[in-house]
């Protein structure tokens, strides 16, 4: 029930994002979600995509530093309070939410949120106790070739 995210470390300079994106495009990867964060010295491109193992090999072969992390993907109501309900389920667990981002799928009335927790297994258990079930990779990648 965890999904894999790739974090690709980039120099913080014009055009740095184009190279890994073009490499993945030539490798025929369809990106489901991405996020880009920066500091003064470097950027972190975070990606969710099918066939992540092959993507790691390709990017590392091209000289990129890639880290693989586990995320938890959850559907939230695309309405006021959707995220609040998820956070309430985690309130007493002492699980740290390190970062999150959202994206859309072709599901009416739903938003997709991905979370990086310090203890994803404990977060999943707490969420399931409240009836909130993480989305599996196969559900995320349906129709993307993964």
N, C-alpha and C. Protein backbone atom coordinates (compact mmCIF):
# COMPACT_ATOMS: atom_id res chain seq x y z
N UNK A 1 0.80 -1.19 0.00
CA UNK A 1 0.00 0.00 0.00
C UNK A 1 0.84 1.26 0.00
N UNK A 2 2.14 1.10 0.06
CA UNK A 2 3.03 2.25 -0.10
C UNK A 2 3.39 2.34 -1.58
N UNK A 3 3.64 3.54 -2.04
CA UNK A 3 4.07 3.74 -3.41
C UNK A 3 5.47 4.33 -3.37
N UNK A 4 6.20 4.15 -4.44
CA UNK A 4 7.58 4.62 -4.50
C UNK A 4 7.64 5.98 -5.18
N UNK A 5 8.47 6.83 -4.61
CA UNK A 5 8.75 8.14 -5.18
C UNK A 5 10.23 8.24 -5.45
N UNK A 6 10.60 8.82 -6.57
CA UNK A 6 12.00 9.08 -6.87
C UNK A 6 12.29 10.54 -6.55
N UNK A 7 13.39 10.78 -5.86
CA UNK A 7 13.88 12.13 -5.64
C UNK A 7 15.18 12.26 -6.42
N UNK A 8 15.19 13.16 -7.39
CA UNK A 8 16.34 13.37 -8.26
C UNK A 8 16.96 14.70 -7.87
N UNK A 9 18.23 14.68 -7.54
CA UNK A 9 18.91 15.88 -7.10
C UNK A 9 19.48 16.62 -8.31
N UNK A 10 19.19 17.92 -8.39
CA UNK A 10 19.57 18.76 -9.53
C UNK A 10 20.33 19.98 -9.05
N UNK A 11 21.19 20.49 -9.93
CA UNK A 11 21.82 21.77 -9.64
C UNK A 11 20.76 22.85 -9.77
N UNK A 12 20.86 23.88 -8.96
CA UNK A 12 19.90 24.98 -9.04
C UNK A 12 20.41 26.00 -10.04
N UNK A 13 20.16 25.70 -11.32
CA UNK A 13 20.59 26.59 -12.41
C UNK A 13 19.62 26.44 -13.58
N UNK A 14 19.56 27.44 -14.44
CA UNK A 14 18.64 27.37 -15.58
C UNK A 14 18.87 26.12 -16.43
N UNK A 15 17.79 25.47 -16.80
CA UNK A 15 17.87 24.30 -17.68
C UNK A 15 18.13 22.98 -17.00
N UNK A 16 18.39 22.97 -15.69
CA UNK A 16 18.73 21.72 -15.00
C UNK A 16 17.57 20.73 -15.02
N UNK A 17 16.36 21.20 -15.02
CA UNK A 17 15.20 20.31 -15.02
C UNK A 17 15.00 19.60 -16.35
N UNK A 18 15.38 20.26 -17.44
CA UNK A 18 15.15 19.70 -18.78
C UNK A 18 15.84 18.36 -19.00
N UNK A 19 17.05 18.22 -18.51
CA UNK A 19 17.81 17.00 -18.79
C UNK A 19 17.13 15.74 -18.26
N UNK A 20 16.78 15.63 -16.96
CA UNK A 20 16.13 14.40 -16.51
C UNK A 20 14.75 14.20 -17.14
N UNK A 21 14.02 15.29 -17.36
CA UNK A 21 12.70 15.17 -17.98
C UNK A 21 12.83 14.62 -19.40
N UNK A 22 13.81 15.11 -20.16
CA UNK A 22 14.02 14.60 -21.52
C UNK A 22 14.49 13.15 -21.52
N UNK A 23 15.32 12.78 -20.57
CA UNK A 23 15.78 11.39 -20.47
C UNK A 23 14.59 10.47 -20.22
N UNK A 24 13.71 10.87 -19.31
CA UNK A 24 12.54 10.05 -19.02
C UNK A 24 11.57 10.02 -20.20
N UNK A 25 11.45 11.12 -20.90
CA UNK A 25 10.58 11.15 -22.09
C UNK A 25 11.10 10.19 -23.16
N UNK A 26 12.41 10.21 -23.40
CA UNK A 26 13.00 9.30 -24.39
C UNK A 26 12.84 7.84 -23.95
N UNK A 27 12.83 7.60 -22.63
CA UNK A 27 12.63 6.26 -22.10
C UNK A 27 11.16 5.86 -22.09
N UNK A 28 10.29 6.76 -22.55
CA UNK A 28 8.85 6.53 -22.67
C UNK A 28 8.15 6.36 -21.32
N UNK A 29 8.59 7.14 -20.35
CA UNK A 29 7.95 7.15 -19.04
C UNK A 29 6.83 8.17 -19.03
N UNK A 30 5.71 7.79 -18.47
CA UNK A 30 4.59 8.70 -18.29
C UNK A 30 4.56 9.11 -16.83
N UNK A 31 4.77 10.38 -16.55
CA UNK A 31 4.82 10.87 -15.18
C UNK A 31 3.42 11.05 -14.62
N UNK A 32 3.16 10.47 -13.47
CA UNK A 32 1.87 10.63 -12.83
C UNK A 32 1.83 11.92 -12.02
N UNK A 33 2.88 12.17 -11.27
CA UNK A 33 2.94 13.37 -10.43
C UNK A 33 4.39 13.80 -10.28
N UNK A 34 4.57 15.08 -10.05
CA UNK A 34 5.91 15.58 -9.77
C UNK A 34 5.82 16.82 -8.91
N UNK A 35 6.92 17.07 -8.24
CA UNK A 35 7.05 18.23 -7.39
C UNK A 35 8.50 18.69 -7.51
N UNK A 36 8.72 19.98 -7.48
CA UNK A 36 10.07 20.51 -7.55
C UNK A 36 10.27 21.46 -6.38
N UNK A 37 11.30 21.21 -5.59
CA UNK A 37 11.64 22.06 -4.45
C UNK A 37 13.07 22.54 -4.66
N UNK A 38 13.42 23.65 -4.04
CA UNK A 38 14.77 24.15 -4.24
C UNK A 38 15.35 24.74 -2.97
N UNK A 39 16.68 24.81 -2.99
CA UNK A 39 17.45 25.58 -2.03
C UNK A 39 18.35 26.46 -2.89
N UNK A 40 19.23 27.21 -2.28
CA UNK A 40 20.13 28.03 -3.10
C UNK A 40 21.10 27.19 -3.92
N UNK A 41 21.50 26.03 -3.40
CA UNK A 41 22.51 25.23 -4.07
C UNK A 41 21.94 24.15 -4.99
N UNK A 42 20.80 23.55 -4.65
CA UNK A 42 20.31 22.44 -5.45
C UNK A 42 18.79 22.39 -5.42
N UNK A 43 18.25 21.57 -6.32
CA UNK A 43 16.83 21.33 -6.37
C UNK A 43 16.55 19.85 -6.19
N UNK A 44 15.34 19.53 -5.80
CA UNK A 44 14.92 18.14 -5.67
C UNK A 44 13.68 17.96 -6.52
N UNK A 45 13.80 17.13 -7.54
CA UNK A 45 12.68 16.76 -8.39
C UNK A 45 12.10 15.47 -7.84
N UNK A 46 10.86 15.53 -7.39
CA UNK A 46 10.20 14.34 -6.85
C UNK A 46 9.21 13.84 -7.88
N UNK A 47 9.28 12.53 -8.17
CA UNK A 47 8.49 11.93 -9.24
C UNK A 47 7.75 10.69 -8.77
N UNK A 48 6.54 10.52 -9.26
CA UNK A 48 5.81 9.27 -9.13
C UNK A 48 5.52 8.81 -10.55
N UNK A 49 5.95 7.61 -10.86
CA UNK A 49 5.79 7.09 -12.21
C UNK A 49 5.80 5.57 -12.20
N UNK A 50 5.16 4.96 -13.21
CA UNK A 50 5.22 3.50 -13.31
C UNK A 50 6.65 3.05 -13.60
N UNK A 51 6.94 1.81 -13.30
CA UNK A 51 8.25 1.21 -13.60
C UNK A 51 9.40 2.03 -13.02
N UNK A 52 9.26 2.35 -11.74
CA UNK A 52 10.24 3.21 -11.09
C UNK A 52 11.64 2.60 -11.04
N UNK A 53 11.72 1.26 -10.98
CA UNK A 53 13.04 0.61 -10.93
C UNK A 53 13.83 0.91 -12.21
N UNK A 54 13.16 0.82 -13.35
CA UNK A 54 13.82 1.10 -14.63
C UNK A 54 14.20 2.58 -14.72
N UNK A 55 13.35 3.46 -14.19
CA UNK A 55 13.64 4.89 -14.19
C UNK A 55 14.89 5.20 -13.35
N UNK A 56 15.01 4.56 -12.20
CA UNK A 56 16.20 4.77 -11.35
C UNK A 56 17.45 4.36 -12.11
N UNK A 57 17.44 3.18 -12.71
CA UNK A 57 18.61 2.71 -13.46
C UNK A 57 18.99 3.67 -14.58
N UNK A 58 18.00 4.14 -15.30
CA UNK A 58 18.25 5.05 -16.42
C UNK A 58 18.84 6.37 -15.93
N UNK A 59 18.25 6.95 -14.91
CA UNK A 59 18.74 8.23 -14.40
C UNK A 59 20.13 8.11 -13.78
N UNK A 60 20.36 7.04 -13.02
CA UNK A 60 21.69 6.85 -12.42
C UNK A 60 22.74 6.62 -13.50
N UNK A 61 22.38 5.91 -14.54
CA UNK A 61 23.31 5.68 -15.67
C UNK A 61 23.72 7.01 -16.30
N UNK A 62 22.81 7.98 -16.26
CA UNK A 62 23.08 9.30 -16.83
C UNK A 62 23.73 10.25 -15.82
N UNK A 63 24.11 9.73 -14.65
CA UNK A 63 24.86 10.51 -13.67
C UNK A 63 24.05 11.21 -12.60
N UNK A 64 22.77 10.97 -12.53
CA UNK A 64 21.95 11.62 -11.51
C UNK A 64 21.99 10.83 -10.20
N UNK A 65 21.90 11.56 -9.10
CA UNK A 65 21.74 10.95 -7.79
C UNK A 65 20.23 10.82 -7.56
N UNK A 66 19.79 9.59 -7.29
CA UNK A 66 18.36 9.32 -7.13
C UNK A 66 18.14 8.60 -5.81
N UNK A 67 17.18 9.08 -5.05
CA UNK A 67 16.79 8.43 -3.80
C UNK A 67 15.36 7.94 -3.95
N UNK A 68 15.09 6.72 -3.47
CA UNK A 68 13.75 6.14 -3.52
C UNK A 68 13.15 6.20 -2.11
N UNK A 69 11.95 6.73 -2.00
CA UNK A 69 11.27 6.81 -0.71
C UNK A 69 9.85 6.25 -0.84
N UNK A 70 9.32 5.83 0.29
CA UNK A 70 7.95 5.33 0.35
C UNK A 70 7.00 6.47 0.66
N UNK A 71 5.91 6.52 -0.09
CA UNK A 71 4.84 7.48 0.15
C UNK A 71 3.55 6.72 0.40
N UNK A 72 2.60 7.40 0.97
CA UNK A 72 1.26 6.87 1.15
C UNK A 72 0.32 7.75 0.33
N UNK A 73 -0.41 7.15 -0.60
CA UNK A 73 -1.35 7.89 -1.44
C UNK A 73 -2.76 7.69 -0.92
N UNK A 74 -3.49 8.77 -0.79
CA UNK A 74 -4.85 8.73 -0.26
C UNK A 74 -5.78 9.56 -1.13
N UNK A 75 -6.98 9.05 -1.32
CA UNK A 75 -8.01 9.86 -1.96
C UNK A 75 -8.65 10.72 -0.88
N UNK A 76 -8.91 11.95 -1.24
CA UNK A 76 -9.58 12.86 -0.32
C UNK A 76 -10.77 13.46 -1.05
N UNK A 77 -11.80 13.74 -0.31
CA UNK A 77 -12.94 14.43 -0.91
C UNK A 77 -12.47 15.77 -1.43
N UNK A 78 -12.85 16.08 -2.67
CA UNK A 78 -12.50 17.37 -3.26
C UNK A 78 -13.53 18.40 -2.80
N UNK A 79 -13.48 18.67 -1.51
CA UNK A 79 -14.43 19.57 -0.86
C UNK A 79 -13.78 20.10 0.41
N UNK A 80 -14.31 21.18 0.95
CA UNK A 80 -13.77 21.68 2.21
C UNK A 80 -13.76 20.59 3.28
N UNK A 81 -12.62 20.44 3.94
CA UNK A 81 -12.49 19.45 5.02
C UNK A 81 -11.92 18.11 4.58
N UNK A 82 -11.67 17.91 3.29
CA UNK A 82 -11.13 16.63 2.82
C UNK A 82 -9.79 16.30 3.45
N UNK A 83 -8.88 17.23 3.43
CA UNK A 83 -7.56 17.03 4.05
C UNK A 83 -7.68 17.00 5.57
N UNK A 84 -8.54 17.81 6.14
CA UNK A 84 -8.70 17.86 7.60
C UNK A 84 -9.10 16.50 8.15
N UNK A 85 -9.95 15.76 7.43
CA UNK A 85 -10.37 14.43 7.89
C UNK A 85 -9.20 13.46 7.95
N UNK A 86 -8.32 13.54 6.97
CA UNK A 86 -7.13 12.67 6.95
C UNK A 86 -6.21 13.03 8.12
N UNK A 87 -5.96 14.30 8.31
CA UNK A 87 -5.07 14.73 9.39
C UNK A 87 -5.65 14.38 10.76
N UNK A 88 -6.96 14.46 10.90
CA UNK A 88 -7.59 14.10 12.17
C UNK A 88 -7.36 12.64 12.51
N UNK A 89 -7.32 11.77 11.49
CA UNK A 89 -7.09 10.34 11.72
C UNK A 89 -5.68 10.08 12.25
N UNK A 90 -4.77 11.00 12.02
CA UNK A 90 -3.38 10.83 12.43
C UNK A 90 -3.04 11.61 13.71
N UNK A 91 -3.98 12.35 14.21
CA UNK A 91 -3.73 13.32 15.27
C UNK A 91 -2.98 12.78 16.49
N UNK A 92 -3.34 11.62 16.99
CA UNK A 92 -2.75 11.11 18.23
C UNK A 92 -1.65 10.06 18.00
N UNK A 93 -1.18 9.91 16.78
CA UNK A 93 -0.25 8.83 16.47
C UNK A 93 1.22 9.19 16.68
N UNK A 94 1.52 10.45 16.75
CA UNK A 94 2.91 10.91 16.83
C UNK A 94 3.69 10.59 15.55
N UNK A 95 3.00 10.34 14.45
CA UNK A 95 3.66 10.15 13.15
C UNK A 95 3.92 11.54 12.58
N UNK A 96 5.15 11.77 12.13
CA UNK A 96 5.51 13.06 11.59
C UNK A 96 5.24 13.10 10.09
N UNK A 97 4.50 14.10 9.65
CA UNK A 97 4.27 14.34 8.23
C UNK A 97 5.41 15.23 7.73
N UNK A 98 6.30 14.65 6.91
CA UNK A 98 7.47 15.39 6.46
C UNK A 98 7.16 16.32 5.30
N UNK A 99 6.36 15.87 4.34
CA UNK A 99 5.88 16.72 3.26
C UNK A 99 4.74 16.01 2.56
N UNK A 100 4.03 16.74 1.71
CA UNK A 100 2.94 16.17 0.94
C UNK A 100 2.73 17.03 -0.30
N UNK A 101 2.07 16.46 -1.28
CA UNK A 101 1.62 17.23 -2.43
C UNK A 101 0.43 16.53 -3.04
N UNK A 102 -0.28 17.22 -3.88
CA UNK A 102 -1.50 16.67 -4.45
C UNK A 102 -1.47 16.71 -5.97
N UNK A 103 -2.37 15.93 -6.56
CA UNK A 103 -2.55 15.93 -8.00
C UNK A 103 -3.95 15.40 -8.28
N UNK A 104 -4.35 15.48 -9.52
CA UNK A 104 -5.71 15.05 -9.86
C UNK A 104 -5.68 13.80 -10.71
N UNK A 105 -6.73 13.03 -10.58
CA UNK A 105 -7.00 11.88 -11.44
C UNK A 105 -8.38 12.09 -12.03
N UNK A 106 -8.73 11.28 -12.97
CA UNK A 106 -10.04 11.42 -13.61
C UNK A 106 -11.13 10.77 -12.77
N UNK A 107 -11.19 11.10 -11.50
CA UNK A 107 -12.24 10.60 -10.61
C UNK A 107 -13.02 11.80 -10.10
N UNK A 108 -14.25 11.86 -10.48
CA UNK A 108 -15.07 13.01 -10.12
C UNK A 108 -15.21 13.12 -8.60
N UNK A 109 -14.99 14.33 -8.10
CA UNK A 109 -15.18 14.59 -6.69
C UNK A 109 -14.07 14.13 -5.78
N UNK A 110 -12.95 13.66 -6.36
CA UNK A 110 -11.83 13.17 -5.55
C UNK A 110 -10.55 13.90 -5.92
N UNK A 111 -9.73 14.13 -4.93
CA UNK A 111 -8.38 14.64 -5.13
C UNK A 111 -7.43 13.56 -4.63
N UNK A 112 -6.24 13.51 -5.16
CA UNK A 112 -5.23 12.55 -4.73
C UNK A 112 -4.14 13.31 -3.99
N UNK A 113 -3.82 12.84 -2.80
CA UNK A 113 -2.76 13.43 -1.99
C UNK A 113 -1.73 12.36 -1.68
N UNK A 114 -0.46 12.71 -1.74
CA UNK A 114 0.60 11.77 -1.36
C UNK A 114 1.35 12.38 -0.17
N UNK A 115 1.68 11.51 0.78
CA UNK A 115 2.28 11.94 2.03
C UNK A 115 3.59 11.21 2.27
N UNK A 116 4.58 11.92 2.73
CA UNK A 116 5.83 11.32 3.19
C UNK A 116 5.81 11.40 4.71
N UNK A 117 5.68 10.22 5.35
CA UNK A 117 5.67 10.12 6.80
C UNK A 117 7.00 9.55 7.29
N UNK A 118 7.38 9.88 8.51
CA UNK A 118 8.59 9.29 9.07
C UNK A 118 8.40 7.80 9.36
N UNK A 119 7.17 7.36 9.55
CA UNK A 119 6.86 5.95 9.78
C UNK A 119 5.60 5.59 8.98
N UNK A 120 5.76 5.29 7.68
CA UNK A 120 4.58 5.05 6.84
C UNK A 120 3.72 3.88 7.30
N UNK A 121 4.32 2.84 7.84
CA UNK A 121 3.53 1.69 8.29
C UNK A 121 2.61 2.07 9.45
N UNK A 122 3.13 2.83 10.39
CA UNK A 122 2.31 3.27 11.52
C UNK A 122 1.21 4.23 11.05
N UNK A 123 1.54 5.08 10.09
CA UNK A 123 0.54 6.00 9.53
C UNK A 123 -0.58 5.22 8.84
N UNK A 124 -0.21 4.21 8.05
CA UNK A 124 -1.21 3.39 7.35
C UNK A 124 -2.13 2.70 8.35
N UNK A 125 -1.55 2.14 9.41
CA UNK A 125 -2.36 1.45 10.43
C UNK A 125 -3.34 2.42 11.08
N UNK A 126 -2.89 3.62 11.41
CA UNK A 126 -3.77 4.61 12.04
C UNK A 126 -4.88 5.05 11.09
N UNK A 127 -4.54 5.24 9.84
CA UNK A 127 -5.54 5.64 8.86
C UNK A 127 -6.59 4.55 8.66
N UNK A 128 -6.14 3.31 8.56
CA UNK A 128 -7.07 2.21 8.34
C UNK A 128 -8.02 2.03 9.53
N UNK A 129 -7.54 2.29 10.75
CA UNK A 129 -8.43 2.22 11.92
C UNK A 129 -9.58 3.21 11.80
N UNK A 130 -9.36 4.29 11.06
CA UNK A 130 -10.40 5.31 10.86
C UNK A 130 -11.14 5.11 9.53
N UNK A 131 -10.89 3.97 8.88
CA UNK A 131 -11.60 3.68 7.63
C UNK A 131 -11.03 4.36 6.41
N UNK A 132 -9.81 4.87 6.50
CA UNK A 132 -9.16 5.55 5.37
C UNK A 132 -8.11 4.60 4.81
N UNK A 133 -8.34 4.11 3.61
CA UNK A 133 -7.43 3.13 3.01
C UNK A 133 -6.55 3.76 1.95
N UNK A 134 -5.24 3.55 2.04
CA UNK A 134 -4.34 4.07 1.02
C UNK A 134 -4.65 3.48 -0.36
N UNK A 135 -4.31 4.24 -1.37
CA UNK A 135 -4.48 3.82 -2.75
C UNK A 135 -3.26 2.99 -3.14
N UNK A 136 -3.51 1.88 -3.81
CA UNK A 136 -2.41 1.01 -4.24
C UNK A 136 -1.84 1.50 -5.57
N UNK A 137 -0.57 1.15 -5.82
CA UNK A 137 0.10 1.56 -7.07
C UNK A 137 -0.70 1.16 -8.29
N UNK A 138 -1.24 -0.04 -8.28
CA UNK A 138 -1.98 -0.51 -9.45
C UNK A 138 -3.17 0.40 -9.76
N UNK A 139 -3.78 0.96 -8.72
CA UNK A 139 -4.89 1.89 -8.93
C UNK A 139 -4.40 3.23 -9.46
N UNK A 140 -3.26 3.69 -8.97
CA UNK A 140 -2.72 4.97 -9.42
C UNK A 140 -2.31 4.91 -10.88
N UNK A 141 -1.68 3.83 -11.26
CA UNK A 141 -1.07 3.76 -12.59
C UNK A 141 -1.99 3.17 -13.66
N UNK A 142 -3.21 2.84 -13.29
CA UNK A 142 -4.16 2.30 -14.25
C UNK A 142 -4.30 3.28 -15.42
N UNK A 143 -4.05 2.79 -16.63
CA UNK A 143 -4.14 3.62 -17.82
C UNK A 143 -2.86 4.35 -18.17
N UNK A 144 -1.81 4.22 -17.33
CA UNK A 144 -0.53 4.89 -17.61
C UNK A 144 0.51 3.91 -18.12
N UNK A 145 0.18 2.65 -18.22
CA UNK A 145 1.16 1.69 -18.69
C UNK A 145 2.03 1.14 -17.58
N UNK A 146 1.61 1.23 -16.33
CA UNK A 146 2.43 0.74 -15.22
C UNK A 146 1.71 -0.13 -14.28
